[in-house]
Protein backbone atom coordinates (compact mmCIF):
# COMPACT_ATOMS: atom_id res chain seq x y z
CA UNK A 1 253.86 -64.51 87.73
CA UNK A 2 252.26 -62.38 85.00
CA UNK A 3 250.24 -60.49 87.61
CA UNK A 4 253.41 -59.73 89.60
CA UNK A 5 255.08 -58.36 86.46
CA UNK A 6 252.05 -56.11 85.81
CA UNK A 7 252.31 -54.76 89.34
CA UNK A 8 256.02 -54.02 88.90
CA UNK A 9 255.35 -52.20 85.62
CA UNK A 10 252.54 -50.09 87.08
CA UNK A 11 253.45 -46.42 87.65
CA UNK A 12 254.31 -45.98 91.32
CA UNK A 13 252.25 -43.77 93.63
CA UNK A 14 253.20 -43.07 97.21
CA UNK A 15 252.62 -40.56 99.96
CA UNK A 16 254.96 -39.20 102.57
CA UNK A 17 253.75 -37.15 105.50
CA UNK A 18 255.47 -35.17 108.18
CA UNK A 19 253.87 -33.31 111.07
CA UNK A 20 252.44 -29.99 109.85
CA UNK A 21 253.07 -30.75 106.19
CA UNK A 22 250.99 -31.69 103.17
CA UNK A 23 251.05 -35.11 101.66
CA UNK A 24 253.47 -35.57 98.81
CA UNK A 25 251.68 -37.56 96.16
CA UNK A 26 253.83 -38.70 93.28
CA UNK A 27 251.86 -39.12 90.08
CA UNK A 28 252.74 -41.00 86.90
CA UNK A 29 255.76 -39.59 85.10
CA UNK A 30 253.64 -38.44 82.16
CA UNK A 31 251.31 -36.59 84.52
CA UNK A 32 254.24 -35.00 86.36
CA UNK A 33 255.61 -33.77 83.04
CA UNK A 34 252.30 -32.01 82.37
CA UNK A 35 252.34 -30.43 85.84
CA UNK A 36 255.93 -29.26 85.34
CA UNK A 37 255.01 -27.77 81.96
CA UNK A 38 252.07 -25.88 83.44
CA UNK A 39 254.23 -24.75 86.35
CA UNK A 40 256.79 -23.23 83.97
CA UNK A 41 254.17 -21.70 81.68
CA UNK A 42 252.12 -20.27 84.56
CA UNK A 43 255.25 -18.71 86.10
CA UNK A 44 256.18 -17.05 82.80
CA UNK A 45 252.55 -16.05 82.22
CA UNK A 46 252.30 -14.60 85.73
CA UNK A 47 255.30 -12.35 85.06
CA UNK A 48 253.86 -11.47 81.66
CA UNK A 49 250.57 -10.60 83.38
CA UNK A 50 252.31 -7.94 85.46
CA UNK A 51 253.98 -6.60 82.29
CA UNK A 52 250.66 -6.44 80.42
CA UNK A 53 248.96 -4.63 83.33
CA UNK A 54 251.84 -2.15 83.46
CA UNK A 55 251.63 -1.57 79.71
CA UNK A 56 247.87 -1.13 79.96
CA UNK A 57 248.33 1.47 82.69
CA UNK A 58 250.99 3.21 80.58
CA UNK A 59 248.62 3.27 77.60
CA UNK A 60 245.74 4.64 79.66
CA UNK A 61 247.78 7.25 81.54
CA UNK A 62 249.46 8.45 78.34
CA UNK A 63 245.97 9.05 76.86
CA UNK A 64 246.85 6.46 74.22
CA UNK A 65 243.78 4.27 74.64
CA UNK A 66 242.65 5.30 71.17
CA UNK A 67 246.18 5.45 69.75
CA UNK A 68 244.90 2.84 67.31
CA UNK A 69 241.22 3.47 66.50
CA UNK A 70 240.70 -0.03 65.09
CA UNK A 71 241.24 -3.52 66.49
CA UNK A 72 243.22 -5.78 66.33
CA UNK A 73 245.26 -3.82 63.78
CA UNK A 74 246.47 -0.25 63.99
CA UNK A 75 245.09 2.04 61.29
CA UNK A 76 244.68 -1.04 59.14
CA UNK A 77 248.29 -2.23 59.62
CA UNK A 78 249.63 -5.17 61.63
CA UNK A 79 252.16 -2.80 63.24
CA UNK A 80 252.27 0.96 63.55
CA UNK A 81 252.49 2.97 60.32
CA UNK A 82 256.05 4.21 59.84
CA UNK A 83 256.66 5.44 56.30
CA UNK A 84 255.07 8.69 55.04
CA UNK A 85 252.97 6.64 52.61
CA UNK A 86 251.63 4.44 55.41
CA UNK A 87 250.85 7.47 57.55
CA UNK A 88 248.94 9.05 54.65
CA UNK A 89 246.93 5.84 54.23
CA UNK A 90 246.21 5.76 57.97
CA UNK A 91 244.96 9.35 58.04
CA UNK A 92 242.84 8.73 54.95
CA UNK A 93 241.19 5.66 56.49
CA UNK A 94 240.54 7.35 59.83
CA UNK A 95 240.15 11.10 59.21
CA UNK A 96 238.47 11.65 62.60
CA UNK A 97 241.48 10.29 64.53
CA UNK A 98 244.71 11.68 63.06
CA UNK A 99 247.70 9.37 63.48
CA UNK A 100 250.04 10.13 66.40
CA UNK A 101 253.04 7.85 66.66
CA UNK A 102 253.58 8.68 70.37
CA UNK A 103 250.12 7.28 71.14
CA UNK A 104 250.15 4.40 68.69
CA UNK A 105 253.34 2.88 70.14
CA UNK A 106 252.01 2.22 73.68
CA UNK A 107 248.78 0.77 72.29
CA UNK A 108 250.50 -1.60 69.85
CA UNK A 109 253.12 -2.73 72.41
CA UNK A 110 250.33 -3.45 74.91
CA UNK A 111 248.42 -5.48 72.32
CA UNK A 112 251.41 -7.59 71.30
CA UNK A 113 252.34 -8.45 74.88
CA UNK A 114 248.70 -9.27 75.61
CA UNK A 115 248.65 -11.55 72.57
CA UNK A 116 251.80 -13.31 73.82
CA UNK A 117 250.14 -13.82 77.19
CA UNK A 118 247.06 -15.23 75.49
CA UNK A 119 249.23 -17.66 73.53
CA UNK A 120 250.88 -18.99 76.69
CA UNK A 121 247.52 -19.44 78.39
CA UNK A 122 246.29 -21.30 75.30
CA UNK A 123 249.29 -23.64 75.54
CA UNK A 124 248.42 -24.41 79.17
CA UNK A 125 244.80 -25.14 78.26
CA UNK A 126 245.99 -27.46 75.46
CA UNK A 127 248.19 -29.37 77.91
CA UNK A 128 245.35 -29.55 80.43
CA UNK A 129 242.89 -30.94 77.89
CA UNK A 130 245.38 -33.48 76.52
CA UNK A 131 246.48 -34.77 79.94
CA UNK A 132 243.99 -37.29 81.29
CA UNK A 133 245.63 -37.70 84.70
CA UNK A 134 246.22 -34.02 85.49
CA UNK A 135 244.87 -33.01 88.94
CA UNK A 136 241.39 -31.59 88.54
CA UNK A 137 242.14 -28.25 90.21
CA UNK A 138 245.04 -27.56 87.84
CA UNK A 139 243.11 -28.79 84.80
CA UNK A 140 239.99 -26.75 85.58
CA UNK A 141 241.91 -23.58 86.38
CA UNK A 142 243.95 -23.84 83.16
CA UNK A 143 240.81 -24.26 81.06
CA UNK A 144 239.01 -21.45 82.92
CA UNK A 145 241.94 -19.11 82.26
CA UNK A 146 241.73 -19.90 78.54
CA UNK A 147 238.03 -19.00 78.49
CA UNK A 148 238.63 -15.93 80.62
CA UNK A 149 241.46 -14.59 78.45
CA UNK A 150 239.17 -14.79 75.40
CA UNK A 151 236.67 -12.67 77.32
CA UNK A 152 239.48 -10.31 78.28
CA UNK A 153 240.41 -9.91 74.62
CA UNK A 154 236.77 -9.10 73.89
CA UNK A 155 236.88 -6.35 76.50
CA UNK A 156 240.01 -5.05 74.80
CA UNK A 157 238.10 -4.83 71.53
CA UNK A 158 235.16 -3.08 73.22
CA UNK A 159 237.55 -0.65 74.89
CA UNK A 160 238.48 0.63 71.43
CA UNK A 161 235.16 0.20 69.63
CA UNK A 162 233.18 1.92 72.41
CA UNK A 163 235.71 4.78 72.58
CA UNK A 164 236.97 4.20 76.16
CA UNK A 165 233.55 3.83 77.76
CA UNK A 166 234.45 3.85 81.49
CA UNK A 167 232.35 0.79 82.35
CA UNK A 168 234.20 -1.32 79.79
CA UNK A 169 237.67 0.06 80.52
CA UNK A 170 237.19 -0.50 84.26
CA UNK A 171 236.01 -4.07 83.66
CA UNK A 172 238.95 -4.64 81.31
CA UNK A 173 241.40 -3.49 83.97
CA UNK A 174 239.87 -5.59 86.74
CA UNK A 175 239.70 -8.60 84.44
CA UNK A 176 243.43 -8.21 83.82
CA UNK A 177 244.05 -8.19 87.56
CA UNK A 178 241.98 -11.36 87.97
CA UNK A 179 243.82 -13.08 85.11
CA UNK A 180 247.22 -12.35 86.62
CA UNK A 181 246.15 -13.36 90.12
CA UNK A 182 244.77 -16.69 88.87
CA UNK A 183 247.97 -17.36 86.92
CA UNK A 184 250.01 -17.07 90.11
CA UNK A 185 247.51 -19.23 91.97
CA UNK A 186 247.89 -21.85 89.21
CA UNK A 187 251.68 -21.65 89.49
CA UNK A 188 251.67 -22.31 93.23
CA UNK A 189 249.13 -25.13 92.91
CA UNK A 190 251.32 -26.79 90.28
CA UNK A 191 254.40 -26.22 92.42
CA UNK A 192 252.69 -27.83 95.42
CA UNK A 193 252.03 -30.96 93.34
CA UNK A 194 255.75 -31.34 92.70
CA UNK A 195 257.17 -30.83 96.18
CA UNK A 196 256.18 -30.96 99.83
CA UNK A 197 255.74 -27.76 101.79
CA UNK A 198 254.46 -26.76 105.19
CA UNK A 199 250.79 -25.90 105.37
CA UNK A 200 249.66 -22.68 106.97
CA UNK A 201 246.64 -24.28 108.60
CA UNK A 202 244.71 -21.01 108.93
CA UNK A 203 241.87 -21.02 111.43
CA UNK A 204 238.29 -20.38 110.39
CA UNK A 205 238.39 -16.80 111.67
CA UNK A 206 241.63 -16.08 109.79
CA UNK A 207 240.10 -17.37 106.55
CA UNK A 208 237.08 -15.11 107.11
CA UNK A 209 239.37 -12.12 107.61
CA UNK A 210 241.18 -12.99 104.39
CA UNK A 211 237.83 -13.15 102.59
CA UNK A 212 236.88 -9.70 103.89
CA UNK A 213 240.28 -8.34 102.93
CA UNK A 214 239.94 -9.68 99.38
CA UNK A 215 236.50 -8.10 98.99
CA UNK A 216 237.68 -4.73 100.35
CA UNK A 217 240.81 -4.65 98.19
CA UNK A 218 238.77 -5.64 95.11
CA UNK A 219 236.33 -2.78 95.78
CA UNK A 220 239.24 -0.38 96.26
CA UNK A 221 240.81 -1.51 92.98
CA UNK A 222 237.47 -0.89 91.28
CA UNK A 223 237.35 2.62 92.80
CA UNK A 224 240.89 3.28 91.58
CA UNK A 225 240.01 2.05 88.10
CA UNK A 226 236.83 4.15 88.08
CA UNK A 227 238.88 7.17 89.14
CA UNK A 228 241.36 6.62 86.32
CA UNK A 229 238.87 5.82 83.55
CA UNK A 230 236.79 8.90 84.39
CA UNK A 231 239.91 11.09 84.54
CA UNK A 232 239.24 12.04 88.15
CA UNK A 233 242.82 11.74 89.38
CA UNK A 234 243.43 15.49 89.12
CA UNK A 235 240.19 16.47 90.86
CA UNK A 236 241.94 16.72 94.24
CA UNK A 237 245.43 18.14 93.97
CA UNK A 238 246.13 18.57 97.69
CA UNK A 239 246.58 16.03 100.49
CA UNK A 240 245.18 14.95 102.92
CA UNK A 241 242.33 17.40 102.23
CA UNK A 242 240.64 17.87 98.86
CA UNK A 243 240.49 21.48 97.72
CA UNK A 244 241.07 22.47 101.35
CA UNK A 245 238.06 20.52 102.62
CA UNK A 246 237.33 17.05 103.91
CA UNK A 247 234.38 16.67 101.54
CA UNK A 248 234.20 19.47 98.94
CA UNK A 249 231.20 20.05 96.71
CA UNK A 250 230.52 16.69 95.05
CA UNK A 251 227.99 14.93 92.87
CA UNK A 252 227.94 11.29 93.90
CA UNK A 253 224.81 10.49 91.89
CA UNK A 254 226.42 11.32 88.56
CA UNK A 255 229.89 10.23 89.62
CA UNK A 256 228.64 6.69 90.17
CA UNK A 257 226.02 6.56 87.45
CA UNK A 258 226.91 3.21 85.89
CA UNK A 259 224.11 3.53 83.33
CA UNK A 260 225.55 6.55 81.55
CA UNK A 261 225.18 6.43 77.78
CA UNK A 262 227.80 5.26 75.31
CA UNK A 263 229.90 7.71 73.34
CA UNK A 264 230.75 9.50 71.35
CA UNK A 265 234.26 9.57 72.86
CA UNK A 266 235.41 9.31 76.48
CA UNK A 267 239.05 10.32 75.97
CA UNK A 268 239.60 12.96 78.64
CA UNK A 269 236.33 12.08 80.36
CA UNK A 270 232.83 13.55 80.11
CA UNK A 271 231.81 14.02 83.75
CA UNK A 272 231.64 17.46 85.34
CA UNK A 273 234.09 18.52 88.05
CA UNK A 274 231.80 17.79 91.01
CA UNK A 275 231.19 14.25 89.78
CA UNK A 276 234.91 13.60 89.42
CA UNK A 277 235.56 14.98 92.90
CA UNK A 278 232.99 12.52 94.27
CA UNK A 279 234.82 9.63 92.63
CA UNK A 280 238.22 10.78 93.84
CA UNK A 281 237.31 11.29 97.50
CA UNK A 282 235.46 7.96 97.56
CA UNK A 283 238.67 6.30 96.44
CA UNK A 284 240.54 8.10 99.23
CA UNK A 285 238.04 7.08 101.92
CA UNK A 286 238.18 3.54 100.56
CA UNK A 287 241.95 3.60 100.99
CA UNK A 288 241.53 4.53 104.66
CA UNK A 289 239.13 1.62 105.25
CA UNK A 290 241.33 -0.89 103.41
CA UNK A 291 244.49 0.29 105.17
CA UNK A 292 242.86 0.01 108.60
CA UNK A 293 241.55 -3.51 107.94
CA UNK A 294 244.79 -4.79 106.44
CA UNK A 295 246.73 -3.46 109.42
CA UNK A 296 244.29 -5.35 111.66
CA UNK A 297 244.77 -8.49 109.55
CA UNK A 298 248.55 -8.09 109.77
CA UNK A 299 248.33 -7.86 113.56
CA UNK A 300 246.00 -10.88 113.64
CA UNK A 301 248.50 -12.91 111.59
CA UNK A 302 251.48 -11.71 113.59
CA UNK A 303 250.10 -12.75 116.97
CA UNK A 304 249.22 -16.17 115.53
CA UNK A 305 252.85 -16.76 114.57
CA UNK A 306 252.37 -16.09 110.82
CA UNK A 307 254.96 -13.35 111.12
CA UNK A 308 256.54 -13.59 107.67
CA UNK A 309 253.12 -13.41 106.04
CA UNK A 310 252.17 -10.43 108.23
CA UNK A 311 255.39 -8.57 107.43
CA UNK A 312 254.91 -9.19 103.71
CA UNK A 313 251.37 -7.84 103.89
CA UNK A 314 252.50 -4.71 105.73
CA UNK A 315 255.31 -4.18 103.22
CA UNK A 316 253.00 -4.36 100.20
CA UNK A 317 250.37 -2.22 101.93
CA UNK A 318 252.90 0.44 102.91
CA UNK A 319 254.30 0.56 99.38
CA UNK A 320 250.83 0.96 97.90
CA UNK A 321 249.84 3.74 100.32
CA UNK A 322 253.10 5.57 99.62
CA UNK A 323 252.56 5.36 95.87
CA UNK A 324 248.97 6.56 96.20
CA UNK A 325 249.97 9.62 98.22
CA UNK A 326 252.85 10.33 95.82
CA UNK A 327 250.38 10.36 92.92
CA UNK A 328 248.61 13.33 94.50
CA UNK A 329 251.64 15.23 95.81
CA UNK A 330 253.66 14.92 92.59
CA UNK A 331 250.71 15.39 90.18
CA UNK A 332 250.44 11.84 88.84
CA UNK A 333 253.91 11.15 87.40
CA UNK A 334 253.72 8.30 84.90
CA UNK A 335 256.10 5.88 86.63
CA UNK A 336 254.49 6.40 90.03
CA UNK A 337 250.98 5.95 88.60
CA UNK A 338 251.99 2.75 86.80
CA UNK A 339 253.63 1.55 90.02
CA UNK A 340 250.39 2.25 91.91
CA UNK A 341 248.55 -0.04 89.49
CA UNK A 342 251.13 -2.77 89.97
CA UNK A 343 251.02 -2.28 93.74
CA UNK A 344 247.30 -2.97 93.77
CA UNK A 345 247.81 -6.05 91.61
CA UNK A 346 250.59 -7.30 93.88
CA UNK A 347 248.49 -6.77 97.00
CA UNK A 348 245.38 -8.61 95.81
CA UNK A 349 247.47 -11.41 94.27
CA UNK A 350 249.31 -11.87 97.57
CA UNK A 351 246.04 -12.07 99.51
CA UNK A 352 244.37 -14.31 96.96
CA UNK A 353 247.18 -16.85 96.76
CA UNK A 354 247.45 -17.01 100.55
CA UNK A 355 243.73 -17.63 100.88
CA UNK A 356 243.11 -19.99 97.96
CA UNK A 357 246.36 -21.94 97.62
CA UNK A 358 245.24 -24.72 99.94
CA UNK A 359 241.67 -25.01 98.66
């Protein structure tokens, strides 16, 4: 009798399956509460990730990367100096970088939103560590994100302390993309633990094509970041040619010299014109390769009945190409350039979640 009572009091687990669908595995109520909490936090963090990337792009494109020459404060203050007395103190502390409120605002806003994102990721890691029955994939990803966001904050510090060294700024940008993409992957994994959905059941060849697409898009994002951090966006002001030529005079050796020295200050860039042209046209040729392969992948998905996925991919790709061309034609307007950053983030997040959601 006692054994029967123990069985009745045991948390129920069950599985329901339908053709073409995942198993629905109900976990203990306490565990489900942890999954729901992480689902909510990862959704909010994923949105915040897009906001932080947009603010980072705004800061970089407004030449405000050194709007606050110290870190984590701003001219020694927790917020931007406002009163005349505070501004005098700021200029006295940092005579080599006179205070400019128009540049300090983007930098401080970016930092505060990044700190809020870090706090939410910390909360998810705390829940993951405390919950003993949390699925291992959700637990491990939550803890990894906590470690990764600490590293991302370190890159933020180095971005300022090393005076916008392109290698660090590029890594900082790509790390932000990875953080946001993993947050959305975590959200969908948590969501899948709470409800049944149809599986995509991609074939081996389709998975390989997704892997290639992810690598190509990641390389293209790196090239875009390298173009931006070396201030090479204005090196080709016409389209589709560059200075009236397919390949104008360029210096690829110096343009992609990743061992260039540190300092003293990279605001505005230090490379010569030919090196910046080399970076810019490489980014353009990369865009052609990526566009061609993603169109092929869209066709591949479409003929295999994954039509909604294919249409979504073509939509995000078309938007990104349009924004990239607009950057050149309209001389890098701020909103378009920020949108181009977000377009790249949206594209690689879309591909990454599709590929890794069912792992």
